[in-house]
Amino acid sequence: MNHFAIICTSGFAIALIYVAHPFFLRIISGSSGMPSKTADAPIMDVADADNFERIKNALENDRIFTDPFLTVDLLSAYVHLHPKKVSQLINHYAGMNFNQLINKYRIAESKKLLSDAKYGNLTMQGIAKEAGFNSRSVFNHAFKLETGLTPSGFKKECTG
C-alpha cells in the first residue's frame, strides 16, 4: 500500500471516530455533557410555595432571624422541612442563599433600630446583637454590603 492510501485510510478512520464517538459529538454540538443547571433545578409546586410562606412566616412573624446561632438546620427543624428543601426554596423563591436571606432580615432590623430614637442608647454592638449578629465585624461587613454605608454612617444620616 502506498503512503497516499495509508494517509487516506487513516484520515477516514480518524474522521469516523471523531464524528461517531459521543464525546466528540458533545464537543461538536457545544454541549459539555454535563446536565445544565436549569435541567437540574427542582420543579416547584403549590406545596413548595406554601412551604416558602412558612419559612417567611418564621422569619417575619416569629423573628427567628434574631437568633445569632440560626443555621439552615435550625430553620429546617423549626418549619419541619429537610434542610436541602429549605435551601432549594430559599434559592428559588428569594433568589439568594440562606445566609444572604438571613442577613437581609438582620440588616432591615438593624436599620429600624438605628433610625428609632428609643434605641439611641444602644451601642453598635448592642444593635448588632438585637438584630441577630453575633459579631460586630460581620455586622459591619453585611451592613455595608447591603446599604453601601457603615452602621454609624447610616445612623448619622438618619439623625441628621
N, C-alpha and C. Protein backbone atom coordinates (compact mmCIF):
# COMPACT_ATOMS: atom_id res chain seq x y z
N MET A 1 0.85 -1.17 0.00
CA MET A 1 0.00 0.00 0.00
C MET A 1 0.90 1.23 0.00
N ASN A 2 0.58 2.17 -0.83
CA ASN A 2 1.42 3.36 -0.90
C ASN A 2 1.08 4.34 0.23
N HIS A 3 1.90 5.33 0.42
CA HIS A 3 1.75 6.28 1.52
C HIS A 3 0.45 7.07 1.41
N PHE A 4 0.08 7.40 0.21
CA PHE A 4 -1.14 8.16 0.00
C PHE A 4 -2.35 7.36 0.47
N ALA A 5 -2.42 6.09 0.17
CA ALA A 5 -3.53 5.23 0.57
C ALA A 5 -3.56 5.08 2.09
N ILE A 6 -2.41 4.95 2.71
CA ILE A 6 -2.35 4.82 4.18
C ILE A 6 -2.85 6.10 4.83
N ILE A 7 -2.42 7.23 4.33
CA ILE A 7 -2.85 8.52 4.88
C ILE A 7 -4.35 8.70 4.71
N CYS A 8 -4.88 8.37 3.55
CA CYS A 8 -6.32 8.49 3.30
C CYS A 8 -7.11 7.57 4.21
N THR A 9 -6.69 6.33 4.36
CA THR A 9 -7.37 5.36 5.20
C THR A 9 -7.32 5.81 6.65
N SER A 10 -6.16 6.27 7.10
CA SER A 10 -6.01 6.74 8.48
C SER A 10 -6.89 7.97 8.72
N GLY A 11 -6.88 8.87 7.77
CA GLY A 11 -7.70 10.08 7.89
C GLY A 11 -9.17 9.74 7.95
N PHE A 12 -9.62 8.80 7.15
CA PHE A 12 -11.01 8.39 7.16
C PHE A 12 -11.36 7.75 8.50
N ALA A 13 -10.48 6.91 9.04
CA ALA A 13 -10.72 6.25 10.33
C ALA A 13 -10.80 7.29 11.44
N ILE A 14 -9.92 8.25 11.44
CA ILE A 14 -9.94 9.29 12.47
C ILE A 14 -11.22 10.12 12.35
N ALA A 15 -11.60 10.48 11.15
CA ALA A 15 -12.83 11.25 10.94
C ALA A 15 -14.04 10.47 11.42
N LEU A 16 -14.09 9.18 11.14
CA LEU A 16 -15.21 8.34 11.55
C LEU A 16 -15.30 8.29 13.07
N ILE A 17 -14.18 8.11 13.74
CA ILE A 17 -14.17 8.08 15.20
C ILE A 17 -14.59 9.44 15.74
N TYR A 18 -14.07 10.50 15.17
CA TYR A 18 -14.36 11.85 15.61
C TYR A 18 -15.86 12.14 15.54
N VAL A 19 -16.47 11.78 14.45
CA VAL A 19 -17.89 12.07 14.24
C VAL A 19 -18.78 11.12 15.03
N ALA A 20 -18.40 9.86 15.14
CA ALA A 20 -19.28 8.87 15.74
C ALA A 20 -19.17 8.80 17.27
N HIS A 21 -18.06 9.15 17.83
CA HIS A 21 -17.87 9.00 19.26
C HIS A 21 -18.70 10.03 20.01
N PRO A 22 -19.47 9.63 21.05
CA PRO A 22 -20.35 10.56 21.78
C PRO A 22 -19.61 11.75 22.37
N PHE A 23 -18.40 11.55 22.85
CA PHE A 23 -17.63 12.65 23.41
C PHE A 23 -17.41 13.73 22.37
N PHE A 24 -17.01 13.30 21.17
CA PHE A 24 -16.77 14.26 20.10
C PHE A 24 -18.08 14.87 19.62
N LEU A 25 -19.16 14.12 19.67
CA LEU A 25 -20.46 14.67 19.29
C LEU A 25 -20.86 15.81 20.23
N ARG A 26 -20.58 15.64 21.53
CA ARG A 26 -20.89 16.70 22.50
C ARG A 26 -20.04 17.94 22.21
N ILE A 27 -18.79 17.73 21.85
CA ILE A 27 -17.92 18.86 21.52
C ILE A 27 -18.46 19.59 20.30
N ILE A 28 -18.84 18.82 19.28
CA ILE A 28 -19.35 19.42 18.05
C ILE A 28 -20.63 20.21 18.33
N SER A 29 -21.52 19.64 19.17
CA SER A 29 -22.80 20.29 19.44
C SER A 29 -22.68 21.42 20.44
N GLY A 30 -21.51 21.54 21.09
CA GLY A 30 -21.33 22.61 22.06
C GLY A 30 -21.77 22.22 23.46
N SER A 31 -22.19 20.99 23.65
CA SER A 31 -22.62 20.53 24.96
C SER A 31 -21.43 19.99 25.73
N SER A 32 -21.41 20.24 27.02
CA SER A 32 -20.32 19.72 27.84
C SER A 32 -20.60 18.30 28.26
N GLY A 33 -21.81 17.84 28.04
CA GLY A 33 -22.18 16.52 28.51
C GLY A 33 -22.67 16.55 29.94
N MET A 34 -22.51 17.69 30.59
CA MET A 34 -22.98 17.83 31.96
C MET A 34 -24.40 18.39 31.90
N PRO A 35 -25.26 17.95 32.81
CA PRO A 35 -26.61 18.49 32.82
C PRO A 35 -26.58 19.98 33.15
N SER A 36 -27.46 20.73 32.53
CA SER A 36 -27.49 22.17 32.79
C SER A 36 -28.16 22.43 34.14
N LYS A 37 -27.88 23.61 34.70
CA LYS A 37 -28.50 23.96 35.98
C LYS A 37 -30.01 24.02 35.84
N THR A 38 -30.50 24.48 34.72
CA THR A 38 -31.93 24.56 34.52
C THR A 38 -32.55 23.18 34.52
N ALA A 39 -31.87 22.23 33.90
CA ALA A 39 -32.40 20.87 33.86
C ALA A 39 -32.38 20.25 35.25
N ASP A 40 -31.43 20.64 36.09
CA ASP A 40 -31.34 20.08 37.43
C ASP A 40 -32.23 20.81 38.43
N ALA A 41 -32.72 21.99 38.06
CA ALA A 41 -33.50 22.78 39.00
C ALA A 41 -34.77 22.03 39.39
N PRO A 42 -35.06 22.03 40.69
CA PRO A 42 -36.26 21.32 41.11
C PRO A 42 -37.51 22.02 40.58
N ILE A 43 -38.50 21.25 40.28
CA ILE A 43 -39.77 21.80 39.83
C ILE A 43 -40.57 22.17 41.06
N MET A 44 -40.97 23.42 41.15
CA MET A 44 -41.70 23.91 42.31
C MET A 44 -43.20 23.78 42.07
N ASP A 45 -43.93 23.50 43.13
CA ASP A 45 -45.38 23.36 43.02
C ASP A 45 -46.06 24.19 44.11
N VAL A 46 -47.37 24.05 44.23
CA VAL A 46 -48.15 24.82 45.20
C VAL A 46 -47.68 24.52 46.63
N ALA A 47 -47.37 23.27 46.92
CA ALA A 47 -46.89 22.91 48.26
C ALA A 47 -45.58 23.62 48.56
N ASP A 48 -44.73 23.77 47.56
CA ASP A 48 -43.46 24.47 47.76
C ASP A 48 -43.70 25.95 48.07
N ALA A 49 -44.64 26.55 47.39
CA ALA A 49 -44.97 27.95 47.67
C ALA A 49 -45.48 28.09 49.10
N ASP A 50 -46.30 27.15 49.53
CA ASP A 50 -46.80 27.16 50.91
C ASP A 50 -45.66 26.97 51.91
N ASN A 51 -44.74 26.08 51.58
CA ASN A 51 -43.60 25.84 52.46
C ASN A 51 -42.71 27.07 52.56
N PHE A 52 -42.54 27.78 51.44
CA PHE A 52 -41.75 29.01 51.50
C PHE A 52 -42.46 30.06 52.35
N GLU A 53 -43.78 30.09 52.28
CA GLU A 53 -44.54 31.02 53.12
C GLU A 53 -44.32 30.70 54.60
N ARG A 54 -44.21 29.41 54.94
CA ARG A 54 -43.91 29.01 56.32
C ARG A 54 -42.53 29.53 56.74
N ILE A 55 -41.58 29.45 55.82
CA ILE A 55 -40.23 29.96 56.11
C ILE A 55 -40.29 31.47 56.34
N LYS A 56 -40.98 32.18 55.44
CA LYS A 56 -41.12 33.64 55.59
C LYS A 56 -41.82 33.99 56.88
N ASN A 57 -42.84 33.23 57.24
CA ASN A 57 -43.57 33.48 58.48
C ASN A 57 -42.65 33.31 59.70
N ALA A 58 -41.82 32.27 59.66
CA ALA A 58 -40.87 32.04 60.76
C ALA A 58 -39.90 33.22 60.88
N LEU A 59 -39.52 33.78 59.76
CA LEU A 59 -38.59 34.90 59.77
C LEU A 59 -39.27 36.22 60.12
N GLU A 60 -40.40 36.49 59.50
CA GLU A 60 -41.05 37.79 59.66
C GLU A 60 -41.89 37.90 60.93
N ASN A 61 -42.67 36.88 61.23
CA ASN A 61 -43.56 36.96 62.39
C ASN A 61 -42.92 36.41 63.66
N ASP A 62 -42.25 35.28 63.55
CA ASP A 62 -41.61 34.69 64.72
C ASP A 62 -40.21 35.26 64.94
N ARG A 63 -39.70 35.97 63.95
CA ARG A 63 -38.44 36.70 64.03
C ARG A 63 -37.26 35.82 64.46
N ILE A 64 -37.21 34.60 63.94
CA ILE A 64 -36.13 33.70 64.33
C ILE A 64 -34.78 34.14 63.76
N PHE A 65 -34.78 35.09 62.85
CA PHE A 65 -33.51 35.61 62.32
C PHE A 65 -32.70 36.31 63.41
N THR A 66 -33.34 36.69 64.52
CA THR A 66 -32.63 37.37 65.60
C THR A 66 -31.81 36.40 66.45
N ASP A 67 -31.96 35.10 66.21
CA ASP A 67 -31.13 34.11 66.90
C ASP A 67 -29.75 34.14 66.25
N PRO A 68 -28.71 34.55 66.98
CA PRO A 68 -27.39 34.66 66.37
C PRO A 68 -26.80 33.31 65.95
N PHE A 69 -27.38 32.23 66.43
CA PHE A 69 -26.86 30.90 66.10
C PHE A 69 -27.75 30.17 65.09
N LEU A 70 -28.63 30.92 64.43
CA LEU A 70 -29.54 30.32 63.44
C LEU A 70 -28.74 29.73 62.28
N THR A 71 -29.08 28.51 61.94
CA THR A 71 -28.48 27.83 60.79
C THR A 71 -29.61 27.30 59.93
N VAL A 72 -29.28 26.85 58.75
CA VAL A 72 -30.31 26.27 57.89
C VAL A 72 -30.90 25.02 58.56
N ASP A 73 -30.10 24.30 59.32
CA ASP A 73 -30.61 23.12 60.02
C ASP A 73 -31.63 23.51 61.09
N LEU A 74 -31.35 24.58 61.83
CA LEU A 74 -32.30 25.03 62.85
C LEU A 74 -33.59 25.56 62.22
N LEU A 75 -33.45 26.33 61.16
CA LEU A 75 -34.63 26.83 60.46
C LEU A 75 -35.44 25.65 59.92
N SER A 76 -34.76 24.67 59.38
CA SER A 76 -35.44 23.48 58.84
C SER A 76 -36.23 22.75 59.91
N ALA A 77 -35.62 22.59 61.07
CA ALA A 77 -36.31 21.93 62.18
C ALA A 77 -37.52 22.77 62.61
N TYR A 78 -37.37 24.07 62.60
CA TYR A 78 -38.45 24.98 63.02
C TYR A 78 -39.66 24.87 62.10
N VAL A 79 -39.42 24.74 60.80
CA VAL A 79 -40.53 24.67 59.83
C VAL A 79 -40.84 23.23 59.41
N HIS A 80 -40.16 22.27 60.01
CA HIS A 80 -40.39 20.84 59.76
C HIS A 80 -40.19 20.45 58.29
N LEU A 81 -39.06 20.89 57.75
CA LEU A 81 -38.68 20.53 56.38
C LEU A 81 -37.22 20.08 56.39
N HIS A 82 -36.85 19.34 55.39
CA HIS A 82 -35.46 18.90 55.24
C HIS A 82 -34.60 20.11 54.91
N PRO A 83 -33.39 20.19 55.47
CA PRO A 83 -32.51 21.34 55.19
C PRO A 83 -32.27 21.59 53.71
N LYS A 84 -32.12 20.53 52.94
CA LYS A 84 -31.89 20.70 51.50
C LYS A 84 -33.12 21.35 50.84
N LYS A 85 -34.31 20.96 51.30
CA LYS A 85 -35.55 21.54 50.76
C LYS A 85 -35.63 23.03 51.11
N VAL A 86 -35.27 23.37 52.35
CA VAL A 86 -35.29 24.78 52.77
C VAL A 86 -34.35 25.59 51.89
N SER A 87 -33.16 25.07 51.67
CA SER A 87 -32.20 25.77 50.80
C SER A 87 -32.74 25.94 49.39
N GLN A 88 -33.34 24.89 48.84
CA GLN A 88 -33.91 24.97 47.49
C GLN A 88 -35.01 26.02 47.43
N LEU A 89 -35.88 26.04 48.43
CA LEU A 89 -36.99 27.00 48.45
C LEU A 89 -36.46 28.43 48.54
N ILE A 90 -35.49 28.64 49.40
CA ILE A 90 -34.91 29.99 49.54
C ILE A 90 -34.24 30.41 48.24
N ASN A 91 -33.47 29.52 47.65
CA ASN A 91 -32.80 29.84 46.39
C ASN A 91 -33.81 30.17 45.31
N HIS A 92 -34.88 29.37 45.22
CA HIS A 92 -35.87 29.55 44.16
C HIS A 92 -36.73 30.80 44.37
N TYR A 93 -37.32 30.92 45.55
CA TYR A 93 -38.29 32.00 45.78
C TYR A 93 -37.65 33.33 46.18
N ALA A 94 -36.54 33.29 46.90
CA ALA A 94 -35.90 34.53 47.33
C ALA A 94 -34.78 34.94 46.39
N GLY A 95 -34.29 34.00 45.58
CA GLY A 95 -33.22 34.31 44.64
C GLY A 95 -31.89 34.56 45.31
N MET A 96 -31.70 33.99 46.49
CA MET A 96 -30.45 34.14 47.22
C MET A 96 -30.25 32.92 48.09
N ASN A 97 -29.07 32.82 48.71
CA ASN A 97 -28.84 31.68 49.59
C ASN A 97 -29.30 31.99 51.01
N PHE A 98 -29.23 30.99 51.88
CA PHE A 98 -29.70 31.12 53.26
C PHE A 98 -29.04 32.30 53.97
N ASN A 99 -27.71 32.37 53.94
CA ASN A 99 -27.00 33.44 54.65
C ASN A 99 -27.38 34.82 54.14
N GLN A 100 -27.52 34.95 52.83
CA GLN A 100 -27.91 36.25 52.26
C GLN A 100 -29.30 36.65 52.74
N LEU A 101 -30.21 35.68 52.77
CA LEU A 101 -31.58 35.98 53.21
C LEU A 101 -31.61 36.39 54.68
N ILE A 102 -30.92 35.63 55.52
CA ILE A 102 -30.91 35.95 56.94
C ILE A 102 -30.27 37.32 57.17
N ASN A 103 -29.18 37.60 56.49
CA ASN A 103 -28.54 38.90 56.63
C ASN A 103 -29.45 40.03 56.15
N LYS A 104 -30.25 39.77 55.13
CA LYS A 104 -31.18 40.78 54.64
C LYS A 104 -32.19 41.16 55.74
N TYR A 105 -32.72 40.15 56.42
CA TYR A 105 -33.65 40.41 57.54
C TYR A 105 -32.93 41.12 58.69
N ARG A 106 -31.72 40.68 58.98
CA ARG A 106 -30.97 41.29 60.09
C ARG A 106 -30.60 42.74 59.79
N ILE A 107 -30.26 43.03 58.56
CA ILE A 107 -29.93 44.41 58.19
C ILE A 107 -31.17 45.28 58.25
N ALA A 108 -32.30 44.77 57.79
CA ALA A 108 -33.55 45.53 57.87
C ALA A 108 -33.88 45.85 59.33
N GLU A 109 -33.69 44.88 60.21
CA GLU A 109 -33.92 45.11 61.64
C GLU A 109 -32.93 46.13 62.19
N SER A 110 -31.68 46.02 61.79
CA SER A 110 -30.65 46.97 62.23
C SER A 110 -31.01 48.39 61.81
N LYS A 111 -31.45 48.55 60.57
CA LYS A 111 -31.82 49.87 60.07
C LYS A 111 -32.98 50.44 60.88
N LYS A 112 -33.92 49.58 61.22
CA LYS A 112 -35.07 50.02 62.02
C LYS A 112 -34.59 50.49 63.40
N LEU A 113 -33.71 49.71 64.02
CA LEU A 113 -33.20 50.07 65.34
C LEU A 113 -32.34 51.33 65.30
N LEU A 114 -31.51 51.45 64.28
CA LEU A 114 -30.63 52.61 64.17
C LEU A 114 -31.40 53.91 63.91
N SER A 115 -32.54 53.80 63.26
CA SER A 115 -33.29 55.02 62.94
C SER A 115 -34.35 55.35 63.99
N ASP A 116 -34.52 54.51 65.00
CA ASP A 116 -35.52 54.75 66.05
C ASP A 116 -34.83 55.35 67.27
N ALA A 117 -35.26 56.54 67.67
CA ALA A 117 -34.63 57.27 68.78
C ALA A 117 -34.70 56.49 70.09
N LYS A 118 -35.71 55.66 70.27
CA LYS A 118 -35.81 54.95 71.56
C LYS A 118 -34.72 53.88 71.73
N TYR A 119 -34.00 53.57 70.65
CA TYR A 119 -32.87 52.64 70.75
C TYR A 119 -31.53 53.38 70.68
N GLY A 120 -31.57 54.69 70.82
CA GLY A 120 -30.38 55.52 70.74
C GLY A 120 -29.35 55.21 71.80
N ASN A 121 -29.78 54.60 72.91
CA ASN A 121 -28.84 54.28 73.98
C ASN A 121 -28.04 53.01 73.71
N LEU A 122 -28.43 52.23 72.68
CA LEU A 122 -27.71 51.00 72.35
C LEU A 122 -26.42 51.31 71.61
N THR A 123 -25.38 50.58 71.95
CA THR A 123 -24.13 50.68 71.19
C THR A 123 -24.30 49.95 69.87
N MET A 124 -23.33 50.09 68.98
CA MET A 124 -23.38 49.35 67.71
C MET A 124 -23.35 47.85 67.97
N GLN A 125 -22.58 47.45 68.99
CA GLN A 125 -22.55 46.04 69.37
C GLN A 125 -23.94 45.60 69.83
N GLY A 126 -24.61 46.45 70.59
CA GLY A 126 -25.97 46.15 71.07
C GLY A 126 -26.96 46.04 69.91
N ILE A 127 -26.86 46.94 68.95
CA ILE A 127 -27.72 46.89 67.76
C ILE A 127 -27.47 45.59 67.01
N ALA A 128 -26.19 45.26 66.83
CA ALA A 128 -25.84 44.03 66.12
C ALA A 128 -26.45 42.81 66.81
N LYS A 129 -26.32 42.75 68.13
CA LYS A 129 -26.86 41.61 68.89
C LYS A 129 -28.38 41.55 68.79
N GLU A 130 -29.04 42.70 68.92
CA GLU A 130 -30.51 42.75 68.83
C GLU A 130 -31.01 42.25 67.47
N ALA A 131 -30.24 42.52 66.43
CA ALA A 131 -30.63 42.13 65.07
C ALA A 131 -30.27 40.68 64.75
N GLY A 132 -29.45 40.05 65.62
CA GLY A 132 -29.11 38.65 65.39
C GLY A 132 -27.68 38.38 65.00
N PHE A 133 -26.87 39.42 64.88
CA PHE A 133 -25.46 39.22 64.54
C PHE A 133 -24.70 38.87 65.82
N ASN A 134 -23.80 37.90 65.74
CA ASN A 134 -23.01 37.57 66.92
C ASN A 134 -21.59 38.13 66.83
N SER A 135 -21.34 38.93 65.79
CA SER A 135 -20.02 39.52 65.61
C SER A 135 -20.19 40.92 65.03
N ARG A 136 -19.53 41.87 65.64
CA ARG A 136 -19.60 43.25 65.16
C ARG A 136 -19.00 43.37 63.76
N SER A 137 -17.92 42.63 63.50
CA SER A 137 -17.28 42.73 62.20
C SER A 137 -18.18 42.18 61.09
N VAL A 138 -18.87 41.08 61.36
CA VAL A 138 -19.80 40.52 60.38
C VAL A 138 -20.96 41.50 60.16
N PHE A 139 -21.43 42.10 61.25
CA PHE A 139 -22.49 43.10 61.17
C PHE A 139 -22.07 44.27 60.28
N ASN A 140 -20.89 44.81 60.55
CA ASN A 140 -20.39 45.95 59.76
C ASN A 140 -20.25 45.59 58.29
N HIS A 141 -19.68 44.43 58.02
CA HIS A 141 -19.46 44.00 56.63
C HIS A 141 -20.80 43.79 55.91
N ALA A 142 -21.71 43.07 56.54
CA ALA A 142 -23.01 42.79 55.91
C ALA A 142 -23.80 44.08 55.71
N PHE A 143 -23.75 44.96 56.69
CA PHE A 143 -24.48 46.22 56.61
C PHE A 143 -23.97 47.07 55.44
N LYS A 144 -22.66 47.18 55.34
CA LYS A 144 -22.07 47.99 54.27
C LYS A 144 -22.35 47.37 52.91
N LEU A 145 -22.30 46.04 52.83
CA LEU A 145 -22.59 45.34 51.59
C LEU A 145 -24.03 45.60 51.13
N GLU A 146 -24.95 45.60 52.07
CA GLU A 146 -26.38 45.78 51.76
C GLU A 146 -26.74 47.24 51.48
N THR A 147 -26.17 48.16 52.26
CA THR A 147 -26.62 49.56 52.19
C THR A 147 -25.61 50.51 51.54
N GLY A 148 -24.35 50.09 51.48
CA GLY A 148 -23.31 50.99 50.98
C GLY A 148 -22.78 51.93 52.05
N LEU A 149 -23.32 51.82 53.26
CA LEU A 149 -22.89 52.66 54.38
C LEU A 149 -22.48 51.79 55.55
N THR A 150 -21.66 52.35 56.42
CA THR A 150 -21.39 51.66 57.68
C THR A 150 -22.61 51.89 58.58
N PRO A 151 -22.80 51.08 59.61
CA PRO A 151 -23.91 51.33 60.53
C PRO A 151 -23.86 52.73 61.14
N SER A 152 -22.66 53.18 61.50
CA SER A 152 -22.52 54.53 62.07
C SER A 152 -22.90 55.61 61.06
N GLY A 153 -22.45 55.42 59.83
CA GLY A 153 -22.81 56.36 58.77
C GLY A 153 -24.29 56.40 58.52
N PHE A 154 -24.93 55.24 58.57
CA PHE A 154 -26.39 55.18 58.40
C PHE A 154 -27.09 55.92 59.52
N LYS A 155 -26.63 55.71 60.76
CA LYS A 155 -27.23 56.36 61.91
C LYS A 155 -27.10 57.88 61.80
N LYS A 156 -25.93 58.34 61.36
CA LYS A 156 -25.72 59.79 61.19
C LYS A 156 -26.69 60.36 60.16
N GLU A 157 -26.90 59.62 59.07
CA GLU A 157 -27.84 60.08 58.04
C GLU A 157 -29.27 60.14 58.58
N CYS A 158 -29.62 59.20 59.43
CA CYS A 158 -30.98 59.15 59.98
C CYS A 158 -31.24 60.25 61.00
N THR A 159 -30.25 60.52 61.83
CA THR A 159 -30.43 61.50 62.89
C THR A 159 -30.05 62.90 62.44
N GLY A 160 -29.36 63.00 61.32
CA GLY A 160 -29.01 64.27 60.71
C GLY A 160 -28.09 65.05 61.48
